[in-house]
N, C-alpha and C. Protein backbone atom coordinates (compact mmCIF):
# COMPACT_ATOMS: atom_id res chain seq x y z
N MET A 1 153.33 93.39 77.10
CA MET A 1 152.51 92.26 77.39
C MET A 1 151.45 92.60 78.46
N VAL A 2 151.87 93.31 79.49
CA VAL A 2 150.95 93.72 80.55
C VAL A 2 149.87 94.64 79.97
N PHE A 3 150.28 95.48 79.06
CA PHE A 3 149.34 96.41 78.45
C PHE A 3 148.26 95.65 77.66
N ILE A 4 148.64 94.61 76.92
CA ILE A 4 147.68 93.82 76.15
C ILE A 4 146.72 93.10 77.10
N ALA A 5 147.23 92.54 78.20
CA ALA A 5 146.38 91.87 79.19
C ALA A 5 145.39 92.87 79.80
N PHE A 6 145.88 94.05 80.08
CA PHE A 6 145.01 95.09 80.64
C PHE A 6 143.88 95.42 79.66
N ILE A 7 144.15 95.53 78.38
CA ILE A 7 143.14 95.85 77.37
C ILE A 7 142.14 94.70 77.25
N VAL A 8 142.62 93.45 77.28
CA VAL A 8 141.72 92.30 77.20
C VAL A 8 140.77 92.27 78.40
N VAL A 9 141.32 92.46 79.59
CA VAL A 9 140.49 92.46 80.81
C VAL A 9 139.48 93.61 80.75
N ALA A 10 139.90 94.78 80.33
CA ALA A 10 139.00 95.93 80.23
C ALA A 10 137.91 95.67 79.20
N SER A 11 138.25 95.01 78.09
CA SER A 11 137.25 94.70 77.06
C SER A 11 136.20 93.73 77.59
N VAL A 12 136.63 92.70 78.30
CA VAL A 12 135.69 91.74 78.88
C VAL A 12 134.78 92.43 79.90
N PHE A 13 135.35 93.26 80.73
CA PHE A 13 134.56 94.00 81.72
C PHE A 13 133.55 94.91 81.02
N ALA A 14 133.96 95.62 79.98
CA ALA A 14 133.06 96.51 79.24
C ALA A 14 131.93 95.71 78.59
N TYR A 15 132.25 94.53 78.04
CA TYR A 15 131.24 93.68 77.42
C TYR A 15 130.19 93.25 78.45
N VAL A 16 130.63 92.84 79.63
CA VAL A 16 129.71 92.41 80.69
C VAL A 16 128.87 93.60 81.17
N ALA A 17 129.48 94.75 81.34
CA ALA A 17 128.75 95.94 81.80
C ALA A 17 127.72 96.37 80.77
N LEU A 18 128.08 96.38 79.50
CA LEU A 18 127.13 96.75 78.46
C LEU A 18 125.98 95.75 78.36
N GLY A 19 126.30 94.47 78.47
CA GLY A 19 125.26 93.44 78.44
C GLY A 19 124.26 93.62 79.57
N ALA A 20 124.77 93.91 80.76
CA ALA A 20 123.88 94.14 81.91
C ALA A 20 123.04 95.39 81.68
N GLY A 21 123.63 96.41 81.11
CA GLY A 21 122.90 97.65 80.82
C GLY A 21 121.79 97.43 79.81
N PHE A 22 122.08 96.66 78.75
CA PHE A 22 121.06 96.37 77.74
C PHE A 22 119.93 95.54 78.33
N PHE A 23 120.27 94.58 79.18
CA PHE A 23 119.25 93.75 79.83
C PHE A 23 118.33 94.61 80.70
N THR A 24 118.92 95.51 81.48
CA THR A 24 118.14 96.40 82.35
C THR A 24 117.24 97.31 81.51
N THR A 25 117.75 97.83 80.43
CA THR A 25 116.97 98.70 79.55
C THR A 25 115.77 97.94 78.98
N GLN A 26 115.99 96.70 78.56
CA GLN A 26 114.92 95.90 77.99
C GLN A 26 113.83 95.62 79.03
N LYS A 27 114.22 95.27 80.24
CA LYS A 27 113.24 95.00 81.30
C LYS A 27 112.46 96.28 81.65
N THR A 28 113.12 97.42 81.69
CA THR A 28 112.46 98.68 81.98
C THR A 28 111.44 99.00 80.89
N GLU A 29 111.80 98.78 79.65
CA GLU A 29 110.90 99.02 78.54
C GLU A 29 109.66 98.13 78.64
N GLN A 30 109.84 96.85 78.97
CA GLN A 30 108.71 95.94 79.13
C GLN A 30 107.79 96.40 80.25
N THR A 31 108.36 96.86 81.35
CA THR A 31 107.55 97.34 82.47
C THR A 31 106.75 98.57 82.07
N ILE A 32 107.36 99.49 81.37
CA ILE A 32 106.66 100.71 80.94
C ILE A 32 105.51 100.36 80.00
N TYR A 33 105.75 99.48 79.02
CA TYR A 33 104.69 99.10 78.09
C TYR A 33 103.54 98.40 78.81
N SER A 34 103.86 97.57 79.78
CA SER A 34 102.83 96.89 80.56
C SER A 34 101.99 97.90 81.35
N ALA A 35 102.63 98.87 81.97
CA ALA A 35 101.91 99.90 82.73
C ALA A 35 101.03 100.74 81.83
N VAL A 36 101.53 101.13 80.68
CA VAL A 36 100.73 101.93 79.74
C VAL A 36 99.53 101.12 79.25
N GLU A 37 99.72 99.84 79.01
CA GLU A 37 98.62 98.98 78.57
C GLU A 37 97.54 98.89 79.63
N GLN A 38 97.93 98.75 80.90
CA GLN A 38 96.95 98.67 81.98
C GLN A 38 96.20 99.97 82.15
N VAL A 39 96.91 101.09 82.16
CA VAL A 39 96.26 102.38 82.36
C VAL A 39 95.35 102.69 81.19
N GLY A 40 95.75 102.31 79.99
CA GLY A 40 94.93 102.57 78.80
C GLY A 40 93.65 101.78 78.77
N SER A 41 93.54 100.70 79.55
CA SER A 41 92.33 99.88 79.52
C SER A 41 91.29 100.31 80.55
N VAL A 42 91.58 101.35 81.28
CA VAL A 42 90.65 101.82 82.31
C VAL A 42 89.50 102.57 81.67
N VAL A 43 88.28 102.23 82.08
CA VAL A 43 87.14 103.03 81.65
C VAL A 43 87.18 104.35 82.41
N GLN A 44 86.63 105.39 81.81
CA GLN A 44 86.69 106.72 82.41
C GLN A 44 85.28 107.16 82.81
N ILE A 45 85.14 107.70 84.01
CA ILE A 45 83.85 108.22 84.45
C ILE A 45 83.59 109.53 83.74
N THR A 46 82.39 109.67 83.19
CA THR A 46 81.99 110.95 82.60
C THR A 46 81.00 111.60 83.55
N GLU A 47 81.17 112.86 83.75
CA GLU A 47 80.30 113.59 84.68
C GLU A 47 78.98 113.91 84.00
N PRO A 48 77.93 114.15 84.69
CA PRO A 48 77.80 114.09 86.14
C PRO A 48 77.36 112.70 86.59
N ILE A 49 77.45 112.49 87.89
CA ILE A 49 76.86 111.31 88.51
C ILE A 49 75.48 111.74 88.97
N MET A 50 74.49 110.90 88.68
CA MET A 50 73.10 111.25 88.97
C MET A 50 72.56 110.38 90.11
N VAL A 51 71.67 110.96 90.91
CA VAL A 51 70.95 110.21 91.93
C VAL A 51 69.46 110.54 91.81
N GLN A 52 68.63 109.56 92.15
CA GLN A 52 67.18 109.78 92.18
C GLN A 52 66.72 109.66 93.61
N ALA A 53 65.86 110.58 94.02
CA ALA A 53 65.31 110.56 95.38
C ALA A 53 64.28 109.45 95.50
N SER A 54 64.14 108.93 96.70
CA SER A 54 63.15 107.89 96.98
C SER A 54 61.74 108.47 96.93
N ALA A 55 60.75 107.61 97.13
CA ALA A 55 59.34 108.04 97.06
C ALA A 55 59.01 109.08 98.13
N ASP A 56 59.71 109.03 99.28
CA ASP A 56 59.44 110.03 100.32
C ASP A 56 60.43 111.19 100.28
N GLY A 57 61.44 111.12 99.40
CA GLY A 57 62.41 112.21 99.26
C GLY A 57 63.47 112.25 100.33
N GLN A 58 63.50 111.29 101.23
CA GLN A 58 64.45 111.30 102.34
C GLN A 58 65.74 110.54 102.05
N HIS A 59 65.72 109.69 101.03
CA HIS A 59 66.87 108.84 100.73
C HIS A 59 67.15 108.82 99.23
N VAL A 60 68.29 108.25 98.86
CA VAL A 60 68.64 108.06 97.45
C VAL A 60 68.09 106.71 97.00
N ARG A 61 67.36 106.71 95.88
CA ARG A 61 66.77 105.48 95.35
C ARG A 61 67.68 104.83 94.32
N TYR A 62 68.27 105.62 93.42
CA TYR A 62 69.19 105.12 92.40
C TYR A 62 70.43 106.01 92.34
N ILE A 63 71.55 105.40 92.00
CA ILE A 63 72.77 106.12 91.65
C ILE A 63 73.11 105.69 90.23
N VAL A 64 73.35 106.66 89.35
CA VAL A 64 73.69 106.35 87.95
C VAL A 64 75.05 106.95 87.64
N VAL A 65 75.98 106.08 87.20
CA VAL A 65 77.33 106.49 86.83
C VAL A 65 77.53 106.14 85.36
N THR A 66 77.95 107.11 84.57
CA THR A 66 78.22 106.89 83.15
C THR A 66 79.73 106.79 82.96
N VAL A 67 80.14 105.79 82.19
CA VAL A 67 81.56 105.60 81.91
C VAL A 67 81.79 105.61 80.41
N LYS A 68 83.02 105.96 80.03
CA LYS A 68 83.42 106.01 78.63
C LYS A 68 84.57 105.03 78.43
N VAL A 69 84.50 104.29 77.34
CA VAL A 69 85.57 103.38 76.97
C VAL A 69 86.67 104.20 76.31
N PRO A 70 87.93 104.00 76.69
CA PRO A 70 89.00 104.78 76.08
C PRO A 70 89.12 104.51 74.59
N PRO A 71 89.61 105.48 73.81
CA PRO A 71 89.76 105.30 72.37
C PRO A 71 90.65 104.09 72.05
N GLY A 72 90.22 103.33 71.04
CA GLY A 72 91.00 102.18 70.62
C GLY A 72 90.78 100.94 71.46
N ASN A 73 89.87 101.00 72.45
CA ASN A 73 89.62 99.85 73.32
C ASN A 73 88.12 99.70 73.50
N ASN A 74 87.41 99.34 72.43
CA ASN A 74 85.96 99.25 72.48
C ASN A 74 85.45 97.93 73.02
N ASP A 75 86.33 97.08 73.50
CA ASP A 75 85.92 95.77 73.98
C ASP A 75 85.99 95.73 75.51
N VAL A 76 84.98 96.30 76.17
CA VAL A 76 84.95 96.33 77.62
C VAL A 76 83.96 95.28 78.11
N ASP A 77 84.40 94.44 79.03
CA ASP A 77 83.55 93.41 79.60
C ASP A 77 82.98 93.95 80.91
N VAL A 78 81.81 94.59 80.82
CA VAL A 78 81.22 95.21 82.01
C VAL A 78 80.83 94.17 83.05
N GLU A 79 80.68 92.94 82.62
CA GLU A 79 80.35 91.88 83.56
C GLU A 79 81.46 91.67 84.59
N ARG A 80 82.67 92.07 84.23
CA ARG A 80 83.82 91.88 85.11
C ARG A 80 84.16 93.13 85.93
N ILE A 81 83.34 94.17 85.84
CA ILE A 81 83.56 95.38 86.63
C ILE A 81 82.71 95.28 87.89
N VAL A 82 83.35 95.33 89.04
CA VAL A 82 82.65 95.25 90.32
C VAL A 82 82.42 96.68 90.81
N VAL A 83 81.18 96.99 91.17
CA VAL A 83 80.81 98.32 91.66
C VAL A 83 80.54 98.21 93.15
N THR A 84 81.17 99.08 93.93
CA THR A 84 80.97 99.10 95.37
C THR A 84 80.48 100.48 95.78
N VAL A 85 79.38 100.51 96.53
CA VAL A 85 78.85 101.75 97.08
C VAL A 85 79.04 101.67 98.58
N SER A 86 79.62 102.72 99.16
CA SER A 86 79.86 102.68 100.61
C SER A 86 79.58 104.04 101.23
N THR A 87 79.24 103.98 102.51
CA THR A 87 79.09 105.16 103.36
C THR A 87 79.94 104.91 104.60
N ALA A 88 79.85 105.82 105.54
CA ALA A 88 80.60 105.64 106.79
C ALA A 88 80.05 104.45 107.58
N ARG A 89 78.81 104.05 107.32
CA ARG A 89 78.18 102.99 108.11
C ARG A 89 78.09 101.64 107.40
N SER A 90 78.08 101.63 106.06
CA SER A 90 77.85 100.36 105.38
C SER A 90 78.53 100.33 104.01
N ILE A 91 78.56 99.12 103.45
CA ILE A 91 79.16 98.91 102.14
C ILE A 91 78.32 97.87 101.40
N GLN A 92 78.14 98.07 100.09
CA GLN A 92 77.36 97.14 99.28
C GLN A 92 78.07 96.96 97.95
N THR A 93 78.17 95.71 97.48
CA THR A 93 78.86 95.40 96.23
C THR A 93 77.86 94.90 95.20
N TYR A 94 78.04 95.33 93.95
CA TYR A 94 77.18 94.93 92.84
C TYR A 94 78.07 94.35 91.75
N GLU A 95 77.79 93.11 91.35
CA GLU A 95 78.60 92.43 90.35
C GLU A 95 77.71 91.96 89.20
N GLY A 96 78.31 91.84 88.03
CA GLY A 96 77.61 91.28 86.88
C GLY A 96 77.07 92.33 85.94
N ALA A 97 76.69 91.87 84.76
CA ALA A 97 76.23 92.77 83.69
C ALA A 97 74.80 93.24 83.89
N THR A 98 74.09 92.71 84.88
CA THR A 98 72.70 93.08 85.10
C THR A 98 72.52 94.58 85.32
N TRP A 99 73.46 95.20 85.97
CA TRP A 99 73.35 96.61 86.34
C TRP A 99 73.79 97.56 85.22
N TRP A 100 74.47 97.02 84.20
CA TRP A 100 75.07 97.85 83.15
C TRP A 100 74.17 97.95 81.93
N HIS A 101 74.17 99.13 81.29
CA HIS A 101 73.37 99.37 80.10
C HIS A 101 74.21 100.17 79.10
N PRO A 102 74.23 99.74 77.83
CA PRO A 102 74.99 100.52 76.83
C PRO A 102 74.22 101.76 76.41
N ILE A 103 74.94 102.78 76.06
CA ILE A 103 74.34 103.97 75.47
C ILE A 103 74.71 103.89 74.00
N GLU A 104 73.72 103.62 73.17
CA GLU A 104 73.98 103.39 71.75
C GLU A 104 74.48 104.66 71.08
N SER A 105 75.48 104.48 70.23
CA SER A 105 76.07 105.62 69.54
C SER A 105 75.41 105.87 68.20
N GLY A 106 74.49 104.99 67.79
CA GLY A 106 73.81 105.17 66.52
C GLY A 106 74.63 104.69 65.34
N GLY A 107 75.77 104.06 65.60
CA GLY A 107 76.64 103.62 64.53
C GLY A 107 76.31 102.24 64.00
N GLY A 108 75.27 101.61 64.48
CA GLY A 108 74.88 100.29 64.00
C GLY A 108 75.75 99.19 64.56
N ALA A 109 76.71 98.72 63.76
CA ALA A 109 77.54 97.58 64.15
C ALA A 109 78.62 97.95 65.15
N GLU A 110 78.83 99.24 65.38
CA GLU A 110 79.86 99.67 66.33
C GLU A 110 79.49 99.24 67.74
N LYS A 111 80.52 98.97 68.52
CA LYS A 111 80.30 98.67 69.93
C LYS A 111 80.10 99.98 70.68
N SER A 112 79.40 99.91 71.80
CA SER A 112 79.12 101.12 72.57
C SER A 112 80.39 101.71 73.16
N VAL A 113 80.49 103.02 73.09
CA VAL A 113 81.61 103.73 73.68
C VAL A 113 81.24 104.16 75.10
N PHE A 114 79.96 104.42 75.32
CA PHE A 114 79.48 104.85 76.64
C PHE A 114 78.58 103.76 77.24
N TRP A 115 78.75 103.56 78.54
CA TRP A 115 77.91 102.64 79.31
C TRP A 115 77.47 103.38 80.57
N TYR A 116 76.34 102.98 81.13
CA TYR A 116 75.99 103.50 82.44
C TYR A 116 75.58 102.35 83.35
N VAL A 117 75.89 102.52 84.62
CA VAL A 117 75.50 101.54 85.62
C VAL A 117 74.44 102.21 86.50
N LYS A 118 73.32 101.54 86.65
CA LYS A 118 72.21 102.06 87.46
C LYS A 118 72.13 101.20 88.72
N ILE A 119 72.57 101.79 89.83
CA ILE A 119 72.67 101.07 91.09
C ILE A 119 71.40 101.28 91.90
N PRO A 120 70.62 100.23 92.13
CA PRO A 120 69.38 100.39 92.89
C PRO A 120 69.63 100.30 94.39
N LEU A 121 69.02 101.18 95.11
CA LEU A 121 69.06 101.14 96.58
C LEU A 121 67.61 100.90 97.03
N PHE A 122 67.18 99.64 96.95
CA PHE A 122 65.79 99.28 97.14
C PHE A 122 65.24 99.63 98.53
N GLN A 123 66.09 99.60 99.54
CA GLN A 123 65.60 99.84 100.89
C GLN A 123 65.12 101.28 101.07
N ALA A 124 65.50 102.16 100.17
CA ALA A 124 65.03 103.55 100.27
C ALA A 124 63.51 103.62 100.18
N ASP A 125 62.89 102.76 99.37
CA ASP A 125 61.43 102.74 99.23
C ASP A 125 60.77 101.59 99.98
N ASP A 126 61.55 100.56 100.31
CA ASP A 126 60.99 99.41 101.02
C ASP A 126 61.91 99.02 102.16
N PRO A 127 61.66 99.51 103.37
CA PRO A 127 62.53 99.23 104.51
C PRO A 127 62.66 97.75 104.86
N LEU A 128 61.82 96.90 104.27
CA LEU A 128 61.86 95.47 104.58
C LEU A 128 62.92 94.73 103.77
N VAL A 129 63.53 95.40 102.78
CA VAL A 129 64.58 94.76 101.99
C VAL A 129 65.81 94.64 102.88
N PRO A 130 66.27 93.42 103.13
CA PRO A 130 67.41 93.24 104.03
C PRO A 130 68.74 93.57 103.35
N GLU A 131 69.70 93.95 104.14
CA GLU A 131 71.08 94.15 103.72
C GLU A 131 71.23 95.02 102.48
N ASP A 132 70.52 96.13 102.45
CA ASP A 132 70.67 97.05 101.33
C ASP A 132 71.18 98.38 101.86
N GLN A 133 71.80 99.11 100.99
CA GLN A 133 72.41 100.39 101.33
C GLN A 133 71.34 101.47 101.51
N ILE A 134 71.53 102.33 102.50
CA ILE A 134 70.66 103.49 102.68
C ILE A 134 71.55 104.73 102.68
N ILE A 135 71.22 105.67 101.78
CA ILE A 135 71.93 106.94 101.72
C ILE A 135 70.90 108.04 101.90
N GLY A 136 71.04 108.79 102.98
CA GLY A 136 70.10 109.85 103.30
C GLY A 136 70.52 111.19 102.72
N GLN A 137 69.67 112.18 102.92
CA GLN A 137 69.97 113.52 102.46
C GLN A 137 71.26 114.03 103.10
N ASN A 138 72.05 114.73 102.30
CA ASN A 138 73.28 115.37 102.75
C ASN A 138 74.30 114.38 103.32
N GLN A 139 74.20 113.11 102.92
CA GLN A 139 75.12 112.08 103.40
C GLN A 139 76.19 111.82 102.34
N ARG A 140 77.42 111.70 102.77
CA ARG A 140 78.53 111.43 101.87
C ARG A 140 78.57 109.94 101.53
N PHE A 141 78.83 109.64 100.25
CA PHE A 141 78.95 108.25 99.82
C PHE A 141 80.06 108.13 98.78
N PHE A 142 80.54 106.90 98.60
CA PHE A 142 81.61 106.61 97.65
C PHE A 142 81.12 105.56 96.67
N VAL A 143 81.51 105.70 95.41
CA VAL A 143 81.24 104.69 94.40
C VAL A 143 82.60 104.29 93.83
N GLU A 144 82.90 102.99 93.92
CA GLU A 144 84.17 102.49 93.41
C GLU A 144 83.90 101.52 92.27
N LEU A 145 84.59 101.70 91.15
CA LEU A 145 84.52 100.79 90.01
C LEU A 145 85.84 100.03 89.95
N LYS A 146 85.74 98.69 89.99
CA LYS A 146 86.95 97.85 90.00
C LYS A 146 86.94 96.92 88.79
N PRO A 147 87.55 97.37 87.67
CA PRO A 147 87.69 96.45 86.54
C PRO A 147 88.67 95.33 86.92
N SER A 148 88.45 94.14 86.39
CA SER A 148 89.29 93.01 86.77
C SER A 148 90.72 93.13 86.25
N ASP A 149 90.90 93.84 85.14
CA ASP A 149 92.22 93.87 84.52
C ASP A 149 92.83 95.27 84.50
N ALA A 150 92.32 96.17 85.32
CA ALA A 150 92.83 97.54 85.30
C ALA A 150 92.78 98.14 86.70
N VAL A 151 93.16 99.37 86.79
CA VAL A 151 93.24 100.07 88.06
C VAL A 151 91.84 100.49 88.53
N PRO A 152 91.47 100.19 89.78
CA PRO A 152 90.16 100.65 90.28
C PRO A 152 90.17 102.16 90.52
N PHE A 153 88.99 102.76 90.50
CA PHE A 153 88.92 104.18 90.80
C PHE A 153 87.65 104.46 91.58
N THR A 154 87.72 105.50 92.41
CA THR A 154 86.65 105.83 93.33
C THR A 154 86.24 107.27 93.16
N VAL A 155 84.94 107.52 93.27
CA VAL A 155 84.44 108.90 93.31
C VAL A 155 83.70 109.10 94.62
N GLU A 156 83.81 110.28 95.15
CA GLU A 156 83.13 110.64 96.40
C GLU A 156 82.11 111.71 96.10
N ARG A 157 80.90 111.54 96.60
CA ARG A 157 79.83 112.50 96.37
C ARG A 157 79.02 112.67 97.66
N THR A 158 78.18 113.70 97.69
CA THR A 158 77.27 113.93 98.81
C THR A 158 75.86 114.02 98.26
N ALA A 159 74.95 113.27 98.88
CA ALA A 159 73.55 113.31 98.45
C ALA A 159 72.99 114.70 98.72
N PRO A 160 72.15 115.20 97.83
CA PRO A 160 71.60 116.55 98.02
C PRO A 160 70.70 116.63 99.24
N ALA A 161 70.66 117.80 99.83
CA ALA A 161 69.71 118.07 100.92
C ALA A 161 68.42 118.58 100.29
N GLY A 162 67.30 118.33 100.93
CA GLY A 162 66.02 118.84 100.45
C GLY A 162 65.56 118.22 99.14
N MET A 163 65.76 116.91 98.98
CA MET A 163 65.34 116.24 97.74
C MET A 163 63.82 116.14 97.67
N ARG A 164 63.30 116.31 96.46
CA ARG A 164 61.86 116.12 96.22
C ARG A 164 61.63 114.67 95.82
N PRO A 165 60.54 114.06 96.24
CA PRO A 165 60.28 112.65 95.93
C PRO A 165 60.36 112.36 94.44
N GLY A 166 61.14 111.32 94.10
CA GLY A 166 61.26 110.86 92.73
C GLY A 166 62.09 111.72 91.79
N SER A 167 62.63 112.83 92.25
CA SER A 167 63.38 113.73 91.38
C SER A 167 64.82 113.25 91.19
N TRP A 168 65.42 113.66 90.04
CA TRP A 168 66.81 113.32 89.74
C TRP A 168 67.69 114.52 90.03
N TYR A 169 68.92 114.25 90.52
CA TYR A 169 69.87 115.31 90.88
C TYR A 169 71.25 114.95 90.39
N GLU A 170 72.00 115.97 89.96
CA GLU A 170 73.41 115.81 89.64
C GLU A 170 74.20 115.98 90.94
N VAL A 171 75.12 115.07 91.17
CA VAL A 171 75.97 115.20 92.37
C VAL A 171 77.42 115.14 91.98
């Protein structure tokens, strides 16, 4: 009789332990799928990052970053990607689709796989523009892209020394 009671108690304990194990496995699986979904939705920066020198060649006038939409996710809302440019002295944020431009793939009805953001630094040519970013020659700067539904990412670059007025440079 004691032996039968022992087997019944052990069976109930095993059932509870297995149930808890299955529950934990299911929650872990959901977490992994959620993480993979978030990482898969991140746009990817394609090299190089380009900068254009100002009219006097002393500052950066434009920063151009090209991004690629990951395979299977051609529906990117660039309006929801916040771009931040910062230096050791200042920070400037750019929001909205105004700054983004598609790079047509020539496929007609297909959505663009590549986009570029052209960040204007107006104060480089017009010192009277208030609250704008200034990046000088040989100065380090950061560009951060923050999609609303994915992981943000940052690139660090240094503006070229000895820039010629109006010229474009890979950084």
